[in-house]
């Protein structure tokens, strides 16, 4: 049966992260090969570390460099940069297929060209002469500048379907390049920062008004150009701002970003994802954030207290709450969760940050009452408060991922007990009768008392019941408390080898897949 071109494209788009399957499609016939190439080269960078070829990135970049037009080659030739012509033209226009343009990859291409294709014409200069050395440095800097300009021109003139742009080059005003209107018209995602001149961002705002995702990696001041870029967007759903200002009252440039905040507020009804962090908590007033009534994801990564953001805000549609590297009174977090609409699927925060140990039972009660759809949760375990902990696991039937720590703050700590934790799980499973816990991933934080005999028995029972194996993570502090058990690592590895554990992580890690 022959597939129509539209169906074939849809099928291969579904396989867009599976390089092995896509590569096999190259061998079917010309049509399959063409569609597979289009999918692969839409974002070739994501495969550079996944194809088993350590030279993959270099080969990708070199292929793109080979598309530099004669005009660009002639300009660079005047700077002693000789890029040889390839023997035969490529079968596909790989540059034209690219939909992702990454700032770092452009700089990699600049590095390749400046080092691999540079003819040495400076031998005759006396390098010991300081004036000559200065001239050489200035000349090299200008050569780098020219290479960068020609690479950007290659993509801007050759990529009519660009969807993603990472733009941080102050000396490359991309929206003023010829062809920018066509190239950037339908951008889906833009990464930028306030190091770019307001005029450059204002010009981008004139061209690009259909962004759905905007990421400001370094927001250092109240940039009017950035404010305009935010304000004119028609489809903006995802906004991330990492602030880099400070609270110096003597410098009004670093006071609250009122112009940017005003622009953000124009999207209060449509923003569904908002991420804010950095080191300037006052940058966007909490009253502005509180107006995002349709927000589904809120991530806060400030290095300090952020209670004003959560104290009065109500987000009835919220699905995800993540607070990394922050400190916030637990009573404010409890109140915030209580005002959500019952749709929360993930609550994640720095478990080190909370100090009000007496409020933990109330926190667990609030989760049980207000978060019936939660999939991933951060909480604590202590057998003295096991009633409230049980309420969470009984009420939240969709819970799959549990980050659980012992009770600990700067003044006191109460070690959790792994055996008591397993006993609690077994008691809950008995109460569920006809059902079973959906939990399949556990992360254990801080110091725990543990013997692995009961854990092994529990894992064996799960295997006998044909339940899927668990993924387990043990923090460094958990492991350090068990140093007297020299066989701990071998035991855990044995559990994994026997199929009792699916994934095992010890110490630092990012997150289970």
Protein backbone atom coordinates (compact mmCIF):
# COMPACT_ATOMS: atom_id res chain seq x y z
CA UNK A 1 0.00 0.00 0.00
CA UNK A 2 1.33 3.44 -0.96
CA UNK A 3 1.10 6.21 1.61
CA UNK A 4 0.14 9.70 0.53
CA UNK A 5 2.83 12.33 1.01
CA UNK A 6 0.84 14.03 3.78
CA UNK A 7 0.39 10.81 5.75
CA UNK A 8 4.03 9.86 5.26
CA UNK A 9 5.15 13.23 6.62
CA UNK A 10 2.88 12.82 9.63
CA UNK A 11 4.25 9.33 10.35
CA UNK A 12 7.88 10.40 10.12
CA UNK A 13 7.23 13.53 12.20
CA UNK A 14 6.07 11.15 14.90
CA UNK A 15 9.53 9.54 14.70
CA UNK A 16 11.37 12.87 14.78
CA UNK A 17 13.40 11.94 17.90
CA UNK A 18 14.24 8.43 16.71
CA UNK A 19 17.33 8.85 14.53
CA UNK A 20 17.83 5.12 13.91
CA UNK A 21 14.32 4.72 12.49
CA UNK A 22 14.66 7.88 10.42
CA UNK A 23 17.98 6.72 8.99
CA UNK A 24 16.42 3.41 7.96
CA UNK A 25 13.75 5.35 6.05
CA UNK A 26 16.47 6.78 3.81
CA UNK A 27 16.82 3.36 2.19
CA UNK A 28 13.15 2.75 1.30
CA UNK A 29 12.77 4.89 -1.81
CA UNK A 30 13.33 8.46 -2.98
CA UNK A 31 10.10 9.82 -1.50
CA UNK A 32 10.74 8.28 1.91
CA UNK A 33 14.32 9.48 1.78
CA UNK A 34 13.28 13.05 1.01
CA UNK A 35 10.76 13.21 3.85
CA UNK A 36 13.21 11.61 6.31
CA UNK A 37 15.90 14.13 5.37
CA UNK A 38 13.43 16.97 5.91
CA UNK A 39 12.61 15.68 9.40
CA UNK A 40 16.26 15.08 10.37
CA UNK A 41 17.54 18.42 9.12
CA UNK A 42 14.72 20.41 10.64
CA UNK A 43 16.76 20.32 13.85
CA UNK A 44 19.97 18.36 13.19
CA UNK A 45 21.63 19.66 16.38
CA UNK A 46 19.59 17.40 18.62
CA UNK A 47 21.21 14.33 17.07
CA UNK A 48 24.82 15.46 17.42
CA UNK A 49 25.42 13.45 20.62
CA UNK A 50 22.99 10.61 19.98
CA UNK A 51 24.17 8.96 16.78
CA UNK A 52 27.29 7.26 18.11
CA UNK A 53 29.53 9.43 15.93
CA UNK A 54 31.82 11.67 17.97
CA UNK A 55 32.40 13.83 14.88
CA UNK A 56 28.68 14.29 14.15
CA UNK A 57 28.57 17.94 15.19
CA UNK A 58 31.64 18.81 13.12
CA UNK A 59 30.17 17.03 10.10
CA UNK A 60 26.84 18.85 10.45
CA UNK A 61 28.51 22.23 10.73
CA UNK A 62 30.93 21.51 7.88
CA UNK A 63 28.05 20.52 5.61
CA UNK A 64 26.27 23.80 6.35
CA UNK A 65 29.47 25.78 5.78
CA UNK A 66 29.76 24.22 2.32
CA UNK A 67 26.56 26.09 1.34
CA UNK A 68 28.17 29.52 1.70
CA UNK A 69 27.52 31.31 -1.61
CA UNK A 70 30.27 32.56 -3.93
CA UNK A 71 29.72 36.15 -2.82
CA UNK A 72 30.46 35.21 0.80
CA UNK A 73 33.45 33.09 -0.19
CA UNK A 74 34.89 36.01 -2.16
CA UNK A 75 34.47 38.37 0.80
CA UNK A 76 36.23 35.93 3.10
CA UNK A 77 38.92 35.22 0.51
CA UNK A 78 39.99 38.85 0.82
CA UNK A 79 40.67 38.08 4.49
CA UNK A 80 42.76 35.01 3.58
CA UNK A 81 39.89 32.62 4.36
CA UNK A 82 39.77 30.03 1.58
CA UNK A 83 36.73 27.74 1.69
CA UNK A 84 37.13 25.06 -0.99
CA UNK A 85 34.30 24.15 -3.29
CA UNK A 86 32.87 20.68 -2.75
CA UNK A 87 33.34 18.19 -5.60
CA UNK A 88 29.63 17.63 -6.23
CA UNK A 89 26.59 19.56 -5.02
CA UNK A 90 24.61 17.99 -2.14
CA UNK A 91 21.46 16.09 -3.01
CA UNK A 92 19.35 18.31 -0.73
CA UNK A 93 19.30 21.94 0.33
CA UNK A 94 20.17 21.23 3.97
CA UNK A 95 20.31 24.91 4.95
CA UNK A 96 16.83 25.47 3.57
CA UNK A 97 15.50 22.59 5.66
CA UNK A 98 16.83 23.99 8.96
CA UNK A 99 14.18 25.42 11.24
CA UNK A 100 16.44 25.93 14.28
CA UNK A 101 19.20 28.57 14.42
CA UNK A 102 21.26 28.42 17.61
CA UNK A 103 23.66 31.19 18.66
CA UNK A 104 26.23 28.68 19.95
CA UNK A 105 26.25 26.70 16.69
CA UNK A 106 26.96 29.84 14.69
CA UNK A 107 29.97 30.49 16.89
CA UNK A 108 31.13 26.91 16.35
CA UNK A 109 30.93 27.48 12.59
CA UNK A 110 32.93 30.69 12.97
CA UNK A 111 35.58 28.78 14.90
CA UNK A 112 35.79 26.05 12.25
CA UNK A 113 36.16 28.55 9.41
CA UNK A 114 38.68 30.79 11.18
CA UNK A 115 40.93 27.88 12.18
CA UNK A 116 40.52 25.35 9.36
CA UNK A 117 40.42 27.60 6.30
CA UNK A 118 42.74 30.41 7.35
CA UNK A 119 45.83 30.97 5.20
CA UNK A 120 48.84 32.20 7.15
CA UNK A 121 49.78 35.55 5.66
CA UNK A 122 51.25 37.20 8.74
CA UNK A 123 54.68 35.57 8.77
CA UNK A 124 56.27 38.62 7.28
CA UNK A 125 55.05 40.84 10.09
CA UNK A 126 57.32 41.44 13.04
CA UNK A 127 55.28 40.02 15.90
CA UNK A 128 57.67 41.48 18.44
CA UNK A 129 56.58 44.95 17.45
CA UNK A 130 53.70 45.94 19.73
CA UNK A 131 52.04 48.07 17.05
CA UNK A 132 52.14 45.18 14.57
CA UNK A 133 50.69 42.84 17.20
CA UNK A 134 47.84 45.25 17.82
CA UNK A 135 47.10 45.48 14.11
CA UNK A 136 47.09 41.69 13.84
CA UNK A 137 44.63 41.38 16.75
CA UNK A 138 42.35 44.04 15.27
CA UNK A 139 42.51 42.35 11.89
CA UNK A 140 41.66 38.96 13.36
CA UNK A 141 38.72 40.42 15.28
CA UNK A 142 37.38 41.98 12.10
CA UNK A 143 37.82 38.70 10.24
CA UNK A 144 35.79 36.90 12.92
CA UNK A 145 33.14 39.59 12.62
CA UNK A 146 32.94 39.13 8.84
CA UNK A 147 32.71 35.34 9.09
CA UNK A 148 29.86 35.66 11.55
CA UNK A 149 28.00 38.11 9.32
CA UNK A 150 28.28 35.80 6.31
CA UNK A 151 27.04 32.77 8.27
CA UNK A 152 24.02 34.67 9.55
CA UNK A 153 23.32 35.89 6.00
CA UNK A 154 23.45 32.27 4.81
CA UNK A 155 20.70 31.24 7.21
CA UNK A 156 18.55 34.36 6.93
CA UNK A 157 18.49 34.15 3.14
CA UNK A 158 18.27 30.37 3.02
CA UNK A 159 15.81 29.42 5.79
CA UNK A 160 12.26 30.41 4.82
CA UNK A 161 10.74 28.20 7.51
CA UNK A 162 12.76 29.20 10.59
CA UNK A 163 10.82 28.36 13.77
CA UNK A 164 13.45 28.67 16.50
CA UNK A 165 16.05 31.41 16.97
CA UNK A 166 18.62 31.90 19.72
CA UNK A 167 19.74 35.53 19.30
CA UNK A 168 22.40 36.98 21.62
CA UNK A 169 24.91 38.61 19.25
CA UNK A 170 25.15 42.33 19.98
CA UNK A 171 27.31 42.93 16.90
CA UNK A 172 24.95 41.08 14.55
CA UNK A 173 21.69 43.07 14.28
CA UNK A 174 19.82 40.22 12.60
CA UNK A 175 16.42 41.90 12.13
CA UNK A 176 18.12 44.56 9.97
CA UNK A 177 19.65 41.96 7.63
CA UNK A 178 18.22 41.71 4.13
CA UNK A 179 15.67 38.90 4.09
CA UNK A 180 14.95 39.07 7.82
CA UNK A 181 11.29 39.96 7.23
CA UNK A 182 10.68 36.66 5.46
CA UNK A 183 12.94 34.53 7.68
CA UNK A 184 11.59 35.68 11.07
CA UNK A 185 7.96 36.23 10.13
CA UNK A 186 6.69 32.93 11.53
CA UNK A 187 9.11 32.31 14.40
CA UNK A 188 7.61 30.04 17.04
CA UNK A 189 10.31 30.42 19.73
CA UNK A 190 12.85 33.17 20.40
CA UNK A 191 15.71 33.29 22.92
CA UNK A 192 17.22 36.73 23.53
CA UNK A 193 18.49 39.07 26.27
CA UNK A 194 18.65 42.76 27.13
CA UNK A 195 22.27 43.05 26.01
CA UNK A 196 20.70 43.57 22.60
CA UNK A 197 20.03 47.22 21.87
CA UNK A 198 16.42 48.41 22.31
CA UNK A 199 16.39 49.43 18.64
CA UNK A 200 17.32 45.90 17.55
CA UNK A 201 14.54 44.37 19.64
CA UNK A 202 12.10 47.02 18.44
CA UNK A 203 12.90 46.09 14.83
CA UNK A 204 12.35 42.43 15.71
CA UNK A 205 8.96 43.43 17.13
CA UNK A 206 8.01 44.96 13.77
CA UNK A 207 8.80 41.70 11.96
CA UNK A 208 8.01 38.94 14.42
CA UNK A 209 4.55 39.01 16.05
CA UNK A 210 3.51 35.35 16.13
CA UNK A 211 5.79 33.99 18.85
CA UNK A 212 4.32 31.34 21.12
CA UNK A 213 7.43 30.99 23.29
CA UNK A 214 9.77 33.80 24.40
CA UNK A 215 12.80 33.16 26.61
CA UNK A 216 14.76 36.13 27.97
CA UNK A 217 17.93 34.52 29.27
CA UNK A 218 19.38 37.67 30.85
CA UNK A 219 17.03 40.54 31.63
CA UNK A 220 19.35 43.20 33.05
CA UNK A 221 17.18 46.32 32.85
CA UNK A 222 13.81 47.68 31.73
CA UNK A 223 14.51 47.48 28.00
CA UNK A 224 11.89 49.37 25.95
CA UNK A 225 12.63 47.29 22.87
CA UNK A 226 11.99 44.05 24.75
CA UNK A 227 8.79 45.49 26.21
CA UNK A 228 7.55 46.31 22.72
CA UNK A 229 8.50 42.84 21.46
CA UNK A 230 6.46 41.26 24.26
CA UNK A 231 3.52 43.60 23.82
CA UNK A 232 2.94 43.06 20.09
CA UNK A 233 2.82 39.26 20.23
CA UNK A 234 -0.49 37.72 19.18
CA UNK A 235 0.01 34.08 20.25
CA UNK A 236 2.33 34.25 23.27
CA UNK A 237 1.68 31.35 25.66
CA UNK A 238 5.10 30.67 27.22
CA UNK A 239 7.31 33.35 28.79
CA UNK A 240 10.57 32.86 30.69
CA UNK A 241 12.53 35.75 32.21
CA UNK A 242 15.81 35.37 34.11
CA UNK A 243 16.52 38.68 35.85
CA UNK A 244 20.05 39.99 36.33
CA UNK A 245 19.36 43.36 37.96
CA UNK A 246 19.83 44.47 41.55
CA UNK A 247 18.07 46.48 44.23
CA UNK A 248 20.44 49.47 44.20
CA UNK A 249 18.13 52.44 44.99
CA UNK A 250 20.66 54.87 43.56
CA UNK A 251 20.37 53.47 40.07
CA UNK A 252 16.88 53.81 38.59
CA UNK A 253 17.94 51.69 35.61
CA UNK A 254 17.81 48.66 37.90
CA UNK A 255 14.52 49.39 39.63
CA UNK A 256 11.46 47.33 38.83
CA UNK A 257 10.97 46.55 35.16
CA UNK A 258 7.71 48.47 34.96
CA UNK A 259 7.71 48.85 31.17
CA UNK A 260 8.33 45.12 30.68
CA UNK A 261 5.81 44.27 33.41
CA UNK A 262 3.20 46.41 31.67
CA UNK A 263 3.83 44.61 28.40
CA UNK A 264 3.53 41.21 30.10
CA UNK A 265 0.22 42.22 31.67
CA UNK A 266 -1.31 42.59 28.19
CA UNK A 267 -1.06 38.78 27.95
CA UNK A 268 -2.58 38.10 31.36
CA UNK A 269 -5.51 36.19 29.86
CA UNK A 270 -3.50 34.06 27.44
CA UNK A 271 -0.22 33.16 29.19
CA UNK A 272 -0.25 29.50 30.24
CA UNK A 273 3.44 29.05 31.17
CA UNK A 274 5.47 31.57 33.17
CA UNK A 275 9.00 31.03 34.45
CA UNK A 276 10.83 33.71 36.41
CA UNK A 277 14.12 33.62 38.25
CA UNK A 278 17.57 35.08 38.59
CA UNK A 279 18.69 37.39 41.38
CA UNK A 280 16.27 40.34 41.18
CA UNK A 281 13.01 39.32 42.82
CA UNK A 282 11.40 42.75 42.48
CA UNK A 283 11.86 42.90 38.71
CA UNK A 284 8.28 41.93 37.84
CA UNK A 285 5.82 43.05 40.55
CA UNK A 286 3.89 40.16 42.17
CA UNK A 287 0.66 42.03 41.43
CA UNK A 288 1.40 41.60 37.71
CA UNK A 289 2.04 37.86 38.05
CA UNK A 290 -1.17 37.47 40.07
CA UNK A 291 -3.23 38.55 37.04
CA UNK A 292 -2.30 35.45 35.00
CA UNK A 293 -5.61 33.75 35.72
CA UNK A 294 -5.23 31.03 33.07
CA UNK A 295 -1.70 30.04 34.08
CA UNK A 296 -1.01 26.30 33.95
CA UNK A 297 2.73 26.22 34.75
CA UNK A 298 4.53 28.46 37.25
CA UNK A 299 8.26 28.01 37.84
CA UNK A 300 10.16 30.23 40.27
CA UNK A 301 13.94 29.98 40.46
CA UNK A 302 14.90 33.05 42.49
CA UNK A 303 17.86 32.81 44.83
CA UNK A 304 15.92 34.12 47.79
CA UNK A 305 12.47 34.54 49.29
CA UNK A 306 9.56 34.69 46.91
CA UNK A 307 6.56 34.54 49.24
CA UNK A 308 5.02 37.71 47.76
CA UNK A 309 4.47 35.89 44.46
CA UNK A 310 2.44 33.11 46.13
CA UNK A 311 0.88 35.02 49.02
CA UNK A 312 -2.13 36.48 47.24
CA UNK A 313 -2.12 34.85 43.80
CA UNK A 314 -4.86 32.47 42.69
CA UNK A 315 -4.35 30.32 39.62
CA UNK A 316 -7.41 28.07 39.22
CA UNK A 317 -6.01 26.33 36.10
CA UNK A 318 -2.53 25.62 37.51
CA UNK A 319 -1.03 22.22 36.62
CA UNK A 320 2.64 22.60 37.54
CA UNK A 321 4.30 24.46 40.43
CA UNK A 322 8.10 24.35 40.62
CA UNK A 323 10.13 26.41 43.08
CA UNK A 324 13.86 25.75 42.83
CA UNK A 325 16.54 27.26 45.06
CA UNK A 326 14.02 29.34 46.99
CA UNK A 327 12.88 29.85 50.54
CA UNK A 328 9.22 30.36 51.32
CA UNK A 329 7.20 29.95 54.53
CA UNK A 330 5.31 26.67 54.37
CA UNK A 331 2.07 28.29 55.50
CA UNK A 332 2.11 30.51 52.39
CA UNK A 333 2.70 27.49 50.15
CA UNK A 334 -0.17 25.66 51.88
CA UNK A 335 -2.49 28.62 51.38
CA UNK A 336 -1.49 28.92 47.73
CA UNK A 337 -2.15 25.23 47.01
CA UNK A 338 -5.50 25.52 48.76
CA UNK A 339 -6.57 28.26 46.34
CA UNK A 340 -5.86 26.25 43.18
CA UNK A 341 -8.64 24.60 41.23
CA UNK A 342 -7.79 20.94 41.80
CA UNK A 343 -5.86 20.46 38.54
CA UNK A 344 -2.30 20.43 39.91
CA UNK A 345 -0.22 17.57 38.48
CA UNK A 346 3.23 18.46 39.81
CA UNK A 347 4.58 20.20 42.93
CA UNK A 348 8.35 20.41 43.11
CA UNK A 349 10.53 22.59 45.34
CA UNK A 350 13.84 22.66 47.15
CA UNK A 351 13.00 20.40 50.07
CA UNK A 352 15.84 22.00 52.03
CA UNK A 353 14.07 25.32 52.06
CA UNK A 354 11.16 24.71 54.47
CA UNK A 355 11.76 25.06 58.20
CA UNK A 356 8.29 24.87 59.81
CA UNK A 357 8.30 21.15 60.61
CA UNK A 358 5.05 21.37 62.60
CA UNK A 359 3.17 22.44 59.44
CA UNK A 360 4.12 19.38 57.40
CA UNK A 361 1.01 17.35 58.44
CA UNK A 362 -1.19 20.28 57.35
CA UNK A 363 0.72 20.45 54.07
CA UNK A 364 0.01 16.76 53.42
CA UNK A 365 -3.65 17.21 54.34
CA UNK A 366 -3.90 20.10 51.86
CA UNK A 367 -2.36 18.00 49.09
CA UNK A 368 -4.82 15.18 49.81
CA UNK A 369 -7.76 17.57 49.75
CA UNK A 370 -6.82 19.87 46.86
CA UNK A 371 -4.66 17.85 44.45
CA UNK A 372 -6.54 14.70 43.35
CA UNK A 373 -4.84 14.72 39.93
CA UNK A 374 -1.25 15.12 41.11
CA UNK A 375 1.39 12.96 39.36
CA UNK A 376 4.60 14.23 40.97
CA UNK A 377 4.93 15.47 44.56
CA UNK A 378 7.59 16.72 46.96
CA UNK A 379 6.88 16.00 50.63
CA UNK A 380 8.33 14.51 53.85
CA UNK A 381 7.94 11.30 55.82
CA UNK A 382 8.01 10.72 59.56
CA UNK A 383 6.18 7.87 61.25
CA UNK A 384 4.78 10.21 63.91
CA UNK A 385 2.82 11.97 61.17
CA UNK A 386 2.04 8.88 59.13
CA UNK A 387 -1.75 9.48 59.20
CA UNK A 388 -1.51 12.61 57.05
CA UNK A 389 1.06 10.98 54.77
CA UNK A 390 -1.33 8.08 54.19
CA UNK A 391 -4.07 10.51 53.30
CA UNK A 392 -1.98 11.78 50.40
CA UNK A 393 -1.34 8.34 48.91
CA UNK A 394 -4.94 7.22 49.37
CA UNK A 395 -6.50 10.39 47.95
CA UNK A 396 -4.07 10.96 45.07
CA UNK A 397 -4.59 7.85 42.97
CA UNK A 398 -2.68 9.25 39.96
CA UNK A 399 0.53 9.87 41.91
CA UNK A 400 3.52 8.31 40.10
CA UNK A 401 6.60 10.20 41.30
CA UNK A 402 7.34 10.91 44.97
CA UNK A 403 10.23 13.02 46.25
CA UNK A 404 10.33 12.34 49.99
CA UNK A 405 12.69 13.61 52.66
CA UNK A 406 13.21 13.27 56.36
CA UNK A 407 12.24 16.14 58.67
CA UNK A 408 15.21 18.48 58.72
CA UNK A 409 16.08 22.16 59.08
CA UNK A 410 18.95 24.20 60.50
CA UNK A 411 18.00 23.58 64.14
CA UNK A 412 16.70 20.03 64.26
CA UNK A 413 16.15 16.88 62.27
CA UNK A 414 14.24 13.65 62.61
CA UNK A 415 15.62 10.76 60.61
CA UNK A 416 13.05 8.93 58.53
CA UNK A 417 13.08 5.14 58.57
CA UNK A 418 12.99 3.21 55.29
CA UNK A 419 11.46 0.12 56.93
CA UNK A 420 8.63 2.24 58.36
CA UNK A 421 8.15 3.82 54.94
CA UNK A 422 7.77 0.39 53.30
CA UNK A 423 5.40 -0.77 56.06
CA UNK A 424 3.29 2.31 55.34
CA UNK A 425 3.20 1.52 51.62
CA UNK A 426 2.08 -2.04 52.34
CA UNK A 427 -0.65 -0.82 54.71
CA UNK A 428 -1.94 1.57 52.07
CA UNK A 429 -1.99 -1.16 49.43
CA UNK A 430 -4.10 -3.33 51.76
CA UNK A 431 -6.57 -0.48 52.22
CA UNK A 432 -6.85 -0.02 48.46
CA UNK A 433 -7.93 -3.68 48.15
CA UNK A 434 -8.85 -3.95 44.45
CA UNK A 435 -6.40 -1.27 43.33
CA UNK A 436 -2.68 -0.74 43.69
CA UNK A 437 -0.45 2.28 44.04
CA UNK A 438 0.58 3.85 40.74
CA UNK A 439 3.80 5.07 42.32
CA UNK A 440 6.79 3.90 40.31
CA UNK A 441 9.49 6.49 41.07
CA UNK A 442 10.84 7.35 44.52
CA UNK A 443 13.51 9.88 45.45
CA UNK A 444 14.82 9.70 49.03
CA UNK A 445 16.34 12.91 50.40
CA UNK A 446 18.38 13.62 53.52
CA UNK A 447 19.35 11.13 56.22
CA UNK A 448 17.32 7.95 56.60
CA UNK A 449 17.69 4.92 58.80
CA UNK A 450 17.67 1.95 56.48
CA UNK A 451 18.16 -1.77 56.18
CA UNK A 452 17.71 -3.22 52.75
CA UNK A 453 16.28 -6.58 53.79
CA UNK A 454 12.72 -5.23 53.93
CA UNK A 455 13.20 -3.27 50.72
CA UNK A 456 14.32 -6.46 48.97
CA UNK A 457 11.26 -8.35 50.23
CA UNK A 458 8.97 -5.55 49.09
CA UNK A 459 10.54 -5.50 45.64
CA UNK A 460 10.26 -9.30 45.39
CA UNK A 461 6.54 -9.12 46.23
CA UNK A 462 6.01 -6.55 43.48
CA UNK A 463 7.77 -8.80 40.99
CA UNK A 464 5.65 -11.80 42.01
CA UNK A 465 2.51 -9.71 41.47
CA UNK A 466 3.80 -8.73 38.01
CA UNK A 467 3.91 -5.07 39.01
CA UNK A 468 6.33 -2.90 37.08
CA UNK A 469 9.75 -2.40 38.69
CA UNK A 470 10.44 0.81 40.58
CA UNK A 471 12.89 3.60 39.79
CA UNK A 472 14.82 4.60 42.92
CA UNK A 473 17.04 7.57 43.71
CA UNK A 474 19.09 7.92 46.89
CA UNK A 475 20.66 11.29 47.68
CA UNK A 476 24.26 11.67 48.78
CA UNK A 477 23.20 12.39 52.36
CA UNK A 478 21.05 9.25 52.41
CA UNK A 479 23.98 7.12 51.27
CA UNK A 480 26.49 8.77 53.63
CA UNK A 481 24.31 7.80 56.60
CA UNK A 482 24.75 4.13 55.61
CA UNK A 483 28.52 4.04 55.27
CA UNK A 484 28.79 1.27 57.80
CA UNK A 485 27.09 -0.97 55.25
CA UNK A 486 29.88 -1.62 52.75
CA UNK A 487 27.65 -3.77 50.57
CA UNK A 488 25.01 -1.09 49.91
CA UNK A 489 26.05 -0.34 46.33
CA UNK A 490 26.42 -3.99 45.39
CA UNK A 491 23.01 -4.75 46.92
CA UNK A 492 21.31 -2.00 44.93
CA UNK A 493 23.04 -3.06 41.72
CA UNK A 494 21.99 -6.64 42.44
CA UNK A 495 18.37 -5.51 42.77
CA UNK A 496 18.65 -3.81 39.39
CA UNK A 497 20.28 -6.81 37.72
CA UNK A 498 17.50 -9.05 39.03
CA UNK A 499 14.86 -6.79 37.50
CA UNK A 500 13.59 -5.57 40.87
CA UNK A 501 14.61 -1.99 40.04
CA UNK A 502 14.17 -0.31 36.67
CA UNK A 503 16.39 2.75 37.12
CA UNK A 504 18.85 3.43 39.92
CA UNK A 505 20.56 6.74 40.69
CA UNK A 506 22.86 7.52 43.62
CA UNK A 507 24.16 10.98 44.48
CA UNK A 508 23.67 13.92 42.14
CA UNK A 509 21.49 13.62 39.04
CA UNK A 510 19.15 15.81 37.04
CA UNK A 511 15.86 13.92 36.84
CA UNK A 512 14.52 10.51 35.91
CA UNK A 513 13.35 10.35 32.33
